mmCIF file of all heavy atoms, coordinates in Angstrom:
data_MODEL
# 
_entry.id   MODEL 
# 
loop_
_atom_site.group_PDB 
_atom_site.id 
_atom_site.type_symbol 
_atom_site.label_atom_id 
_atom_site.label_alt_id 
_atom_site.label_comp_id 
_atom_site.label_asym_id 
_atom_site.label_entity_id 
_atom_site.label_seq_id 
_atom_site.pdbx_PDB_ins_code 
_atom_site.Cartn_x 
_atom_site.Cartn_y 
_atom_site.Cartn_z 
_atom_site.occupancy 
_atom_site.B_iso_or_equiv 
_atom_site.pdbx_formal_charge 
_atom_site.auth_seq_id 
_atom_site.auth_comp_id 
_atom_site.auth_asym_id 
_atom_site.auth_atom_id 
_atom_site.pdbx_PDB_model_num 
ATOM 1   N N   . GLY A 1 1  ? -47.471 46.324 48.434 1.00 0.00 ? 1  GLY A N   1 
ATOM 2   C CA  . GLY A 1 1  ? -47.659 47.703 48.949 1.00 0.00 ? 1  GLY A CA  1 
ATOM 3   C C   . GLY A 1 1  ? -46.488 48.588 48.509 1.00 0.00 ? 1  GLY A C   1 
ATOM 4   O O   . GLY A 1 1  ? -46.573 49.817 48.926 1.00 0.00 ? 1  GLY A O   1 
ATOM 5   N N   . CYS A 1 2  ? -45.552 48.097 47.773 1.00 0.00 ? 2  CYS A N   1 
ATOM 6   C CA  . CYS A 1 2  ? -44.344 48.962 47.582 1.00 0.00 ? 2  CYS A CA  1 
ATOM 7   C C   . CYS A 1 2  ? -44.700 50.051 46.519 1.00 0.00 ? 2  CYS A C   1 
ATOM 8   O O   . CYS A 1 2  ? -45.341 49.789 45.489 1.00 0.00 ? 2  CYS A O   1 
ATOM 9   C CB  . CYS A 1 2  ? -43.279 48.007 46.990 1.00 0.00 ? 2  CYS A CB  1 
ATOM 10  S SG  . CYS A 1 2  ? -41.687 48.971 46.757 1.00 0.00 ? 2  CYS A SG  1 
ATOM 11  N N   . ARG A 1 3  ? -44.203 51.283 46.810 1.00 0.00 ? 3  ARG A N   1 
ATOM 12  C CA  . ARG A 1 3  ? -44.416 52.346 45.885 1.00 0.00 ? 3  ARG A CA  1 
ATOM 13  C C   . ARG A 1 3  ? -43.044 53.147 45.751 1.00 0.00 ? 3  ARG A C   1 
ATOM 14  O O   . ARG A 1 3  ? -43.008 54.389 45.552 1.00 0.00 ? 3  ARG A O   1 
ATOM 15  C CB  . ARG A 1 3  ? -45.496 53.383 46.421 1.00 0.00 ? 3  ARG A CB  1 
ATOM 16  C CG  . ARG A 1 3  ? -46.873 52.676 46.568 1.00 0.00 ? 3  ARG A CG  1 
ATOM 17  C CD  . ARG A 1 3  ? -47.898 53.700 47.010 1.00 0.00 ? 3  ARG A CD  1 
ATOM 18  N NE  . ARG A 1 3  ? -48.074 54.735 46.060 1.00 0.00 ? 3  ARG A NE  1 
ATOM 19  C CZ  . ARG A 1 3  ? -49.009 54.609 45.039 1.00 0.00 ? 3  ARG A CZ  1 
ATOM 20  N NH1 . ARG A 1 3  ? -49.578 53.471 44.733 1.00 0.00 ? 3  ARG A NH1 1 
ATOM 21  N NH2 . ARG A 1 3  ? -49.104 55.609 44.136 1.00 0.00 ? 3  ARG A NH2 1 
ATOM 22  N N   . ALA A 1 4  ? -41.922 52.431 45.771 1.00 0.00 ? 4  ALA A N   1 
ATOM 23  C CA  . ALA A 1 4  ? -40.604 53.095 45.761 1.00 0.00 ? 4  ALA A CA  1 
ATOM 24  C C   . ALA A 1 4  ? -40.237 53.712 44.463 1.00 0.00 ? 4  ALA A C   1 
ATOM 25  O O   . ALA A 1 4  ? -39.449 54.658 44.533 1.00 0.00 ? 4  ALA A O   1 
ATOM 26  C CB  . ALA A 1 4  ? -39.619 51.939 46.204 1.00 0.00 ? 4  ALA A CB  1 
ATOM 27  N N   . CYS A 1 5  ? -40.695 53.260 43.364 1.00 0.00 ? 5  CYS A N   1 
ATOM 28  C CA  . CYS A 1 5  ? -40.225 53.767 42.098 1.00 0.00 ? 5  CYS A CA  1 
ATOM 29  C C   . CYS A 1 5  ? -41.353 54.535 41.399 1.00 0.00 ? 5  CYS A C   1 
ATOM 30  O O   . CYS A 1 5  ? -42.313 53.984 40.913 1.00 0.00 ? 5  CYS A O   1 
ATOM 31  C CB  . CYS A 1 5  ? -39.810 52.613 41.205 1.00 0.00 ? 5  CYS A CB  1 
ATOM 32  S SG  . CYS A 1 5  ? -38.380 51.654 41.847 1.00 0.00 ? 5  CYS A SG  1 
ATOM 33  N N   . ASP A 1 6  ? -41.220 55.883 41.270 1.00 0.00 ? 6  ASP A N   1 
ATOM 34  C CA  . ASP A 1 6  ? -42.236 56.773 40.898 1.00 0.00 ? 6  ASP A CA  1 
ATOM 35  C C   . ASP A 1 6  ? -42.729 56.384 39.464 1.00 0.00 ? 6  ASP A C   1 
ATOM 36  O O   . ASP A 1 6  ? -43.861 56.388 39.142 1.00 0.00 ? 6  ASP A O   1 
ATOM 37  C CB  . ASP A 1 6  ? -41.895 58.223 40.954 1.00 0.00 ? 6  ASP A CB  1 
ATOM 38  C CG  . ASP A 1 6  ? -41.729 58.644 42.341 1.00 0.00 ? 6  ASP A CG  1 
ATOM 39  O OD1 . ASP A 1 6  ? -42.298 58.117 43.326 1.00 0.00 ? 6  ASP A OD1 1 
ATOM 40  O OD2 . ASP A 1 6  ? -40.988 59.760 42.616 1.00 0.00 ? 6  ASP A OD2 1 
ATOM 41  N N   . ARG A 1 7  ? -41.666 56.115 38.578 1.00 0.00 ? 7  ARG A N   1 
ATOM 42  C CA  . ARG A 1 7  ? -41.976 55.885 37.160 1.00 0.00 ? 7  ARG A CA  1 
ATOM 43  C C   . ARG A 1 7  ? -42.787 54.545 37.021 1.00 0.00 ? 7  ARG A C   1 
ATOM 44  O O   . ARG A 1 7  ? -43.777 54.499 36.251 1.00 0.00 ? 7  ARG A O   1 
ATOM 45  C CB  . ARG A 1 7  ? -40.682 55.744 36.394 1.00 0.00 ? 7  ARG A CB  1 
ATOM 46  C CG  . ARG A 1 7  ? -40.864 55.678 34.841 1.00 0.00 ? 7  ARG A CG  1 
ATOM 47  C CD  . ARG A 1 7  ? -39.605 55.505 34.160 1.00 0.00 ? 7  ARG A CD  1 
ATOM 48  N NE  . ARG A 1 7  ? -39.028 54.104 34.151 1.00 0.00 ? 7  ARG A NE  1 
ATOM 49  C CZ  . ARG A 1 7  ? -38.914 53.412 33.134 1.00 0.00 ? 7  ARG A CZ  1 
ATOM 50  N NH1 . ARG A 1 7  ? -39.290 53.832 31.887 1.00 0.00 ? 7  ARG A NH1 1 
ATOM 51  N NH2 . ARG A 1 7  ? -38.487 52.203 33.170 1.00 0.00 ? 7  ARG A NH2 1 
ATOM 52  N N   . LEU A 1 8  ? -42.444 53.585 37.828 1.00 0.00 ? 8  LEU A N   1 
ATOM 53  C CA  . LEU A 1 8  ? -43.073 52.305 37.689 1.00 0.00 ? 8  LEU A CA  1 
ATOM 54  C C   . LEU A 1 8  ? -44.510 52.377 38.348 1.00 0.00 ? 8  LEU A C   1 
ATOM 55  O O   . LEU A 1 8  ? -45.484 51.719 37.725 1.00 0.00 ? 8  LEU A O   1 
ATOM 56  C CB  . LEU A 1 8  ? -42.311 51.163 38.420 1.00 0.00 ? 8  LEU A CB  1 
ATOM 57  C CG  . LEU A 1 8  ? -40.913 50.917 37.848 1.00 0.00 ? 8  LEU A CG  1 
ATOM 58  C CD1 . LEU A 1 8  ? -40.264 49.738 38.523 1.00 0.00 ? 8  LEU A CD1 1 
ATOM 59  C CD2 . LEU A 1 8  ? -40.981 50.677 36.281 1.00 0.00 ? 8  LEU A CD2 1 
ATOM 60  N N   . VAL A 1 9  ? -44.639 53.049 39.429 1.00 0.00 ? 9  VAL A N   1 
ATOM 61  C CA  . VAL A 1 9  ? -45.954 53.211 39.971 1.00 0.00 ? 9  VAL A CA  1 
ATOM 62  C C   . VAL A 1 9  ? -46.877 53.900 39.052 1.00 0.00 ? 9  VAL A C   1 
ATOM 63  O O   . VAL A 1 9  ? -48.051 53.477 38.828 1.00 0.00 ? 9  VAL A O   1 
ATOM 64  C CB  . VAL A 1 9  ? -45.851 54.045 41.341 1.00 0.00 ? 9  VAL A CB  1 
ATOM 65  C CG1 . VAL A 1 9  ? -47.196 54.334 41.830 1.00 0.00 ? 9  VAL A CG1 1 
ATOM 66  C CG2 . VAL A 1 9  ? -45.158 53.170 42.397 1.00 0.00 ? 9  VAL A CG2 1 
ATOM 67  N N   . ALA A 1 10 ? -46.449 55.033 38.440 1.00 0.00 ? 10 ALA A N   1 
ATOM 68  C CA  . ALA A 1 10 ? -47.275 55.778 37.486 1.00 0.00 ? 10 ALA A CA  1 
ATOM 69  C C   . ALA A 1 10 ? -47.612 54.863 36.333 1.00 0.00 ? 10 ALA A C   1 
ATOM 70  O O   . ALA A 1 10 ? -48.819 54.908 35.897 1.00 0.00 ? 10 ALA A O   1 
ATOM 71  C CB  . ALA A 1 10 ? -46.554 56.930 36.997 1.00 0.00 ? 10 ALA A CB  1 
ATOM 72  N N   . TRP A 1 11 ? -46.746 54.060 35.735 1.00 0.00 ? 11 TRP A N   1 
ATOM 73  C CA  . TRP A 1 11 ? -46.972 53.278 34.582 1.00 0.00 ? 11 TRP A CA  1 
ATOM 74  C C   . TRP A 1 11 ? -47.931 52.171 34.855 1.00 0.00 ? 11 TRP A C   1 
ATOM 75  O O   . TRP A 1 11 ? -48.968 51.933 34.126 1.00 0.00 ? 11 TRP A O   1 
ATOM 76  C CB  . TRP A 1 11 ? -45.718 52.750 34.025 1.00 0.00 ? 11 TRP A CB  1 
ATOM 77  C CG  . TRP A 1 11 ? -45.914 51.833 32.854 1.00 0.00 ? 11 TRP A CG  1 
ATOM 78  C CD1 . TRP A 1 11 ? -45.758 50.455 32.762 1.00 0.00 ? 11 TRP A CD1 1 
ATOM 79  C CD2 . TRP A 1 11 ? -46.418 52.170 31.463 1.00 0.00 ? 11 TRP A CD2 1 
ATOM 80  N NE1 . TRP A 1 11 ? -46.019 49.976 31.607 1.00 0.00 ? 11 TRP A NE1 1 
ATOM 81  C CE2 . TRP A 1 11 ? -46.416 50.965 30.777 1.00 0.00 ? 11 TRP A CE2 1 
ATOM 82  C CE3 . TRP A 1 11 ? -46.805 53.327 30.878 1.00 0.00 ? 11 TRP A CE3 1 
ATOM 83  C CZ2 . TRP A 1 11 ? -46.880 50.952 29.408 1.00 0.00 ? 11 TRP A CZ2 1 
ATOM 84  C CZ3 . TRP A 1 11 ? -47.184 53.272 29.612 1.00 0.00 ? 11 TRP A CZ3 1 
ATOM 85  C CH2 . TRP A 1 11 ? -47.250 52.098 28.892 1.00 0.00 ? 11 TRP A CH2 1 
ATOM 86  N N   . ARG A 1 12 ? -47.694 51.386 35.954 1.00 0.00 ? 12 ARG A N   1 
ATOM 87  C CA  . ARG A 1 12 ? -48.549 50.179 36.271 1.00 0.00 ? 12 ARG A CA  1 
ATOM 88  C C   . ARG A 1 12 ? -50.012 50.713 36.503 1.00 0.00 ? 12 ARG A C   1 
ATOM 89  O O   . ARG A 1 12 ? -50.902 50.018 36.141 1.00 0.00 ? 12 ARG A O   1 
ATOM 90  C CB  . ARG A 1 12 ? -47.985 49.524 37.425 1.00 0.00 ? 12 ARG A CB  1 
ATOM 91  C CG  . ARG A 1 12 ? -48.262 50.023 38.778 1.00 0.00 ? 12 ARG A CG  1 
ATOM 92  C CD  . ARG A 1 12 ? -47.480 49.511 39.945 1.00 0.00 ? 12 ARG A CD  1 
ATOM 93  N NE  . ARG A 1 12 ? -48.006 50.002 41.180 1.00 0.00 ? 12 ARG A NE  1 
ATOM 94  C CZ  . ARG A 1 12 ? -47.344 50.165 42.356 1.00 0.00 ? 12 ARG A CZ  1 
ATOM 95  N NH1 . ARG A 1 12 ? -46.049 49.751 42.380 1.00 0.00 ? 12 ARG A NH1 1 
ATOM 96  N NH2 . ARG A 1 12 ? -47.922 50.616 43.482 1.00 0.00 ? 12 ARG A NH2 1 
ATOM 97  N N   . GLU A 1 13 ? -50.130 51.911 37.138 1.00 0.00 ? 13 GLU A N   1 
ATOM 98  C CA  . GLU A 1 13 ? -51.449 52.359 37.466 1.00 0.00 ? 13 GLU A CA  1 
ATOM 99  C C   . GLU A 1 13 ? -52.157 52.940 36.306 1.00 0.00 ? 13 GLU A C   1 
ATOM 100 O O   . GLU A 1 13 ? -53.370 52.843 36.086 1.00 0.00 ? 13 GLU A O   1 
ATOM 101 C CB  . GLU A 1 13 ? -51.422 53.369 38.574 1.00 0.00 ? 13 GLU A CB  1 
ATOM 102 C CG  . GLU A 1 13 ? -50.991 52.708 39.929 1.00 0.00 ? 13 GLU A CG  1 
ATOM 103 C CD  . GLU A 1 13 ? -50.870 53.669 41.098 1.00 0.00 ? 13 GLU A CD  1 
ATOM 104 O OE1 . GLU A 1 13 ? -51.098 54.911 40.877 1.00 0.00 ? 13 GLU A OE1 1 
ATOM 105 O OE2 . GLU A 1 13 ? -50.651 53.242 42.271 1.00 0.00 ? 13 GLU A OE2 1 
ATOM 106 N N   . GLN A 1 14 ? -51.351 53.539 35.313 1.00 0.00 ? 14 GLN A N   1 
ATOM 107 C CA  . GLN A 1 14 ? -51.965 54.049 34.139 1.00 0.00 ? 14 GLN A CA  1 
ATOM 108 C C   . GLN A 1 14 ? -52.425 52.990 33.234 1.00 0.00 ? 14 GLN A C   1 
ATOM 109 O O   . GLN A 1 14 ? -53.603 52.985 32.665 1.00 0.00 ? 14 GLN A O   1 
ATOM 110 C CB  . GLN A 1 14 ? -50.925 54.895 33.345 1.00 0.00 ? 14 GLN A CB  1 
ATOM 111 C CG  . GLN A 1 14 ? -51.383 55.365 31.986 1.00 0.00 ? 14 GLN A CG  1 
ATOM 112 C CD  . GLN A 1 14 ? -50.360 56.004 31.124 1.00 0.00 ? 14 GLN A CD  1 
ATOM 113 O OE1 . GLN A 1 14 ? -49.405 56.613 31.687 1.00 0.00 ? 14 GLN A OE1 1 
ATOM 114 N NE2 . GLN A 1 14 ? -50.397 55.914 29.908 1.00 0.00 ? 14 GLN A NE2 1 
ATOM 115 N N   . VAL A 1 15 ? -51.673 51.897 33.130 1.00 0.00 ? 15 VAL A N   1 
ATOM 116 C CA  . VAL A 1 15 ? -52.064 50.695 32.369 1.00 0.00 ? 15 VAL A CA  1 
ATOM 117 C C   . VAL A 1 15 ? -53.374 50.101 32.990 1.00 0.00 ? 15 VAL A C   1 
ATOM 118 O O   . VAL A 1 15 ? -54.232 49.629 32.217 1.00 0.00 ? 15 VAL A O   1 
ATOM 119 C CB  . VAL A 1 15 ? -50.907 49.649 32.317 1.00 0.00 ? 15 VAL A CB  1 
ATOM 120 C CG1 . VAL A 1 15 ? -51.463 48.372 31.666 1.00 0.00 ? 15 VAL A CG1 1 
ATOM 121 C CG2 . VAL A 1 15 ? -49.787 50.252 31.461 1.00 0.00 ? 15 VAL A CG2 1 
ATOM 122 N N   . ALA A 1 16 ? -53.439 50.054 34.317 1.00 0.00 ? 16 ALA A N   1 
ATOM 123 C CA  . ALA A 1 16 ? -54.574 49.509 34.977 1.00 0.00 ? 16 ALA A CA  1 
ATOM 124 C C   . ALA A 1 16 ? -55.905 50.340 34.751 1.00 0.00 ? 16 ALA A C   1 
ATOM 125 O O   . ALA A 1 16 ? -56.976 49.798 34.679 1.00 0.00 ? 16 ALA A O   1 
ATOM 126 C CB  . ALA A 1 16 ? -54.268 49.320 36.429 1.00 0.00 ? 16 ALA A CB  1 
ATOM 127 N N   . ARG A 1 17 ? -55.694 51.621 34.533 1.00 0.00 ? 17 ARG A N   1 
ATOM 128 C CA  . ARG A 1 17 ? -56.856 52.489 34.181 1.00 0.00 ? 17 ARG A CA  1 
ATOM 129 C C   . ARG A 1 17 ? -57.242 52.431 32.798 1.00 0.00 ? 17 ARG A C   1 
ATOM 130 O O   . ARG A 1 17 ? -58.468 52.271 32.483 1.00 0.00 ? 17 ARG A O   1 
ATOM 131 C CB  . ARG A 1 17 ? -56.475 53.957 34.631 1.00 0.00 ? 17 ARG A CB  1 
ATOM 132 C CG  . ARG A 1 17 ? -56.407 54.302 36.117 1.00 0.00 ? 17 ARG A CG  1 
ATOM 133 C CD  . ARG A 1 17 ? -56.376 55.766 36.317 1.00 0.00 ? 17 ARG A CD  1 
ATOM 134 N NE  . ARG A 1 17 ? -55.323 56.412 35.610 1.00 0.00 ? 17 ARG A NE  1 
ATOM 135 C CZ  . ARG A 1 17 ? -54.025 56.622 36.059 1.00 0.00 ? 17 ARG A CZ  1 
ATOM 136 N NH1 . ARG A 1 17 ? -53.754 56.140 37.278 1.00 0.00 ? 17 ARG A NH1 1 
ATOM 137 N NH2 . ARG A 1 17 ? -53.092 57.196 35.361 1.00 0.00 ? 17 ARG A NH2 1 
ATOM 138 N N   . ASP A 1 18 ? -56.274 52.575 31.939 1.00 0.00 ? 18 ASP A N   1 
ATOM 139 C CA  . ASP A 1 18 ? -56.615 52.602 30.439 1.00 0.00 ? 18 ASP A CA  1 
ATOM 140 C C   . ASP A 1 18 ? -57.001 51.262 29.874 1.00 0.00 ? 18 ASP A C   1 
ATOM 141 O O   . ASP A 1 18 ? -57.721 51.195 28.944 1.00 0.00 ? 18 ASP A O   1 
ATOM 142 C CB  . ASP A 1 18 ? -55.348 53.173 29.704 1.00 0.00 ? 18 ASP A CB  1 
ATOM 143 C CG  . ASP A 1 18 ? -55.045 54.655 30.121 1.00 0.00 ? 18 ASP A CG  1 
ATOM 144 O OD1 . ASP A 1 18 ? -55.896 55.270 30.767 1.00 0.00 ? 18 ASP A OD1 1 
ATOM 145 O OD2 . ASP A 1 18 ? -53.930 55.096 29.810 1.00 0.00 ? 18 ASP A OD2 1 
ATOM 146 N N   . LYS A 1 19 ? -56.296 50.256 30.267 1.00 0.00 ? 19 LYS A N   1 
ATOM 147 C CA  . LYS A 1 19 ? -56.634 48.852 29.916 1.00 0.00 ? 19 LYS A CA  1 
ATOM 148 C C   . LYS A 1 19 ? -56.394 48.638 28.420 1.00 0.00 ? 19 LYS A C   1 
ATOM 149 O O   . LYS A 1 19 ? -56.334 49.446 27.601 1.00 0.00 ? 19 LYS A O   1 
ATOM 150 C CB  . LYS A 1 19 ? -57.971 48.369 30.365 1.00 0.00 ? 19 LYS A CB  1 
ATOM 151 C CG  . LYS A 1 19 ? -58.314 48.563 31.802 1.00 0.00 ? 19 LYS A CG  1 
ATOM 152 C CD  . LYS A 1 19 ? -59.643 48.084 32.216 1.00 0.00 ? 19 LYS A CD  1 
ATOM 153 C CE  . LYS A 1 19 ? -59.913 48.372 33.704 1.00 0.00 ? 19 LYS A CE  1 
ATOM 154 N NZ  . LYS A 1 19 ? -61.228 47.846 34.091 1.00 0.00 ? 19 LYS A NZ  1 
ATOM 155 N N   . ARG A 1 20 ? -56.330 47.348 27.968 1.00 0.00 ? 20 ARG A N   1 
ATOM 156 C CA  . ARG A 1 20 ? -56.341 46.977 26.718 1.00 0.00 ? 20 ARG A CA  1 
ATOM 157 C C   . ARG A 1 20 ? -57.721 46.624 26.262 1.00 0.00 ? 20 ARG A C   1 
ATOM 158 O O   . ARG A 1 20 ? -58.490 46.197 27.127 1.00 0.00 ? 20 ARG A O   1 
ATOM 159 C CB  . ARG A 1 20 ? -55.348 45.830 26.480 1.00 0.00 ? 20 ARG A CB  1 
ATOM 160 C CG  . ARG A 1 20 ? -55.360 45.190 25.086 1.00 0.00 ? 20 ARG A CG  1 
ATOM 161 C CD  . ARG A 1 20 ? -54.277 44.105 24.929 1.00 0.00 ? 20 ARG A CD  1 
ATOM 162 N NE  . ARG A 1 20 ? -52.895 44.706 24.831 1.00 0.00 ? 20 ARG A NE  1 
ATOM 163 C CZ  . ARG A 1 20 ? -51.809 44.013 24.905 1.00 0.00 ? 20 ARG A CZ  1 
ATOM 164 N NH1 . ARG A 1 20 ? -51.909 42.732 24.988 1.00 0.00 ? 20 ARG A NH1 1 
ATOM 165 N NH2 . ARG A 1 20 ? -50.664 44.563 24.748 1.00 0.00 ? 20 ARG A NH2 1 
ATOM 166 N N   . ALA A 1 21 ? -58.106 46.926 25.064 1.00 0.00 ? 21 ALA A N   1 
ATOM 167 C CA  . ALA A 1 21 ? -59.483 46.720 24.592 1.00 0.00 ? 21 ALA A CA  1 
ATOM 168 C C   . ALA A 1 21 ? -59.987 45.333 24.897 1.00 0.00 ? 21 ALA A C   1 
ATOM 169 O O   . ALA A 1 21 ? -61.118 45.175 25.327 1.00 0.00 ? 21 ALA A O   1 
ATOM 170 C CB  . ALA A 1 21 ? -59.618 47.047 23.110 1.00 0.00 ? 21 ALA A CB  1 
ATOM 171 N N   . ALA A 1 22 ? -59.168 44.344 24.763 1.00 0.00 ? 22 ALA A N   1 
ATOM 172 C CA  . ALA A 1 22 ? -59.556 42.960 24.962 1.00 0.00 ? 22 ALA A CA  1 
ATOM 173 C C   . ALA A 1 22 ? -59.971 42.631 26.477 1.00 0.00 ? 22 ALA A C   1 
ATOM 174 O O   . ALA A 1 22 ? -60.666 41.748 26.717 1.00 0.00 ? 22 ALA A O   1 
ATOM 175 C CB  . ALA A 1 22 ? -58.497 41.983 24.588 1.00 0.00 ? 22 ALA A CB  1 
ATOM 176 N N   . PHE A 1 23 ? -59.457 43.513 27.377 1.00 0.00 ? 23 PHE A N   1 
ATOM 177 C CA  . PHE A 1 23 ? -59.679 43.336 28.744 1.00 0.00 ? 23 PHE A CA  1 
ATOM 178 C C   . PHE A 1 23 ? -60.433 44.435 29.450 1.00 0.00 ? 23 PHE A C   1 
ATOM 179 O O   . PHE A 1 23 ? -60.318 44.615 30.622 1.00 0.00 ? 23 PHE A O   1 
ATOM 180 C CB  . PHE A 1 23 ? -58.268 43.011 29.425 1.00 0.00 ? 23 PHE A CB  1 
ATOM 181 C CG  . PHE A 1 23 ? -57.442 42.021 28.785 1.00 0.00 ? 23 PHE A CG  1 
ATOM 182 C CD1 . PHE A 1 23 ? -56.119 42.404 28.310 1.00 0.00 ? 23 PHE A CD1 1 
ATOM 183 C CD2 . PHE A 1 23 ? -57.871 40.718 28.503 1.00 0.00 ? 23 PHE A CD2 1 
ATOM 184 C CE1 . PHE A 1 23 ? -55.320 41.464 27.720 1.00 0.00 ? 23 PHE A CE1 1 
ATOM 185 C CE2 . PHE A 1 23 ? -57.022 39.772 27.993 1.00 0.00 ? 23 PHE A CE2 1 
ATOM 186 C CZ  . PHE A 1 23 ? -55.751 40.160 27.551 1.00 0.00 ? 23 PHE A CZ  1 
ATOM 187 N N   . VAL A 1 24 ? -61.064 45.227 28.609 1.00 0.00 ? 24 VAL A N   1 
ATOM 188 C CA  . VAL A 1 24 ? -61.740 46.461 29.150 1.00 0.00 ? 24 VAL A CA  1 
ATOM 189 C C   . VAL A 1 24 ? -62.696 46.148 30.281 1.00 0.00 ? 24 VAL A C   1 
ATOM 190 O O   . VAL A 1 24 ? -62.934 46.954 31.150 1.00 0.00 ? 24 VAL A O   1 
ATOM 191 C CB  . VAL A 1 24 ? -62.344 47.203 28.006 1.00 0.00 ? 24 VAL A CB  1 
ATOM 192 C CG1 . VAL A 1 24 ? -63.625 46.421 27.437 1.00 0.00 ? 24 VAL A CG1 1 
ATOM 193 C CG2 . VAL A 1 24 ? -62.728 48.619 28.434 1.00 0.00 ? 24 VAL A CG2 1 
ATOM 194 N N   . ASP A 1 25 ? -63.284 44.946 30.284 1.00 0.00 ? 25 ASP A N   1 
ATOM 195 C CA  . ASP A 1 25 ? -64.283 44.645 31.304 1.00 0.00 ? 25 ASP A CA  1 
ATOM 196 C C   . ASP A 1 25 ? -63.655 43.974 32.537 1.00 0.00 ? 25 ASP A C   1 
ATOM 197 O O   . ASP A 1 25 ? -64.399 43.634 33.572 1.00 0.00 ? 25 ASP A O   1 
ATOM 198 C CB  . ASP A 1 25 ? -65.316 43.676 30.711 1.00 0.00 ? 25 ASP A CB  1 
ATOM 199 C CG  . ASP A 1 25 ? -64.716 42.331 30.222 1.00 0.00 ? 25 ASP A CG  1 
ATOM 200 O OD1 . ASP A 1 25 ? -63.487 42.321 30.033 1.00 0.00 ? 25 ASP A OD1 1 
ATOM 201 O OD2 . ASP A 1 25 ? -65.482 41.310 30.191 1.00 0.00 ? 25 ASP A OD2 1 
# 
């Protein structure tokens, strides 16, 4: 549940939204 680092929170969530094509599903 940690959200201490703004840059890391933004990146991890962006990657989770955009995904890699091989894992889009």
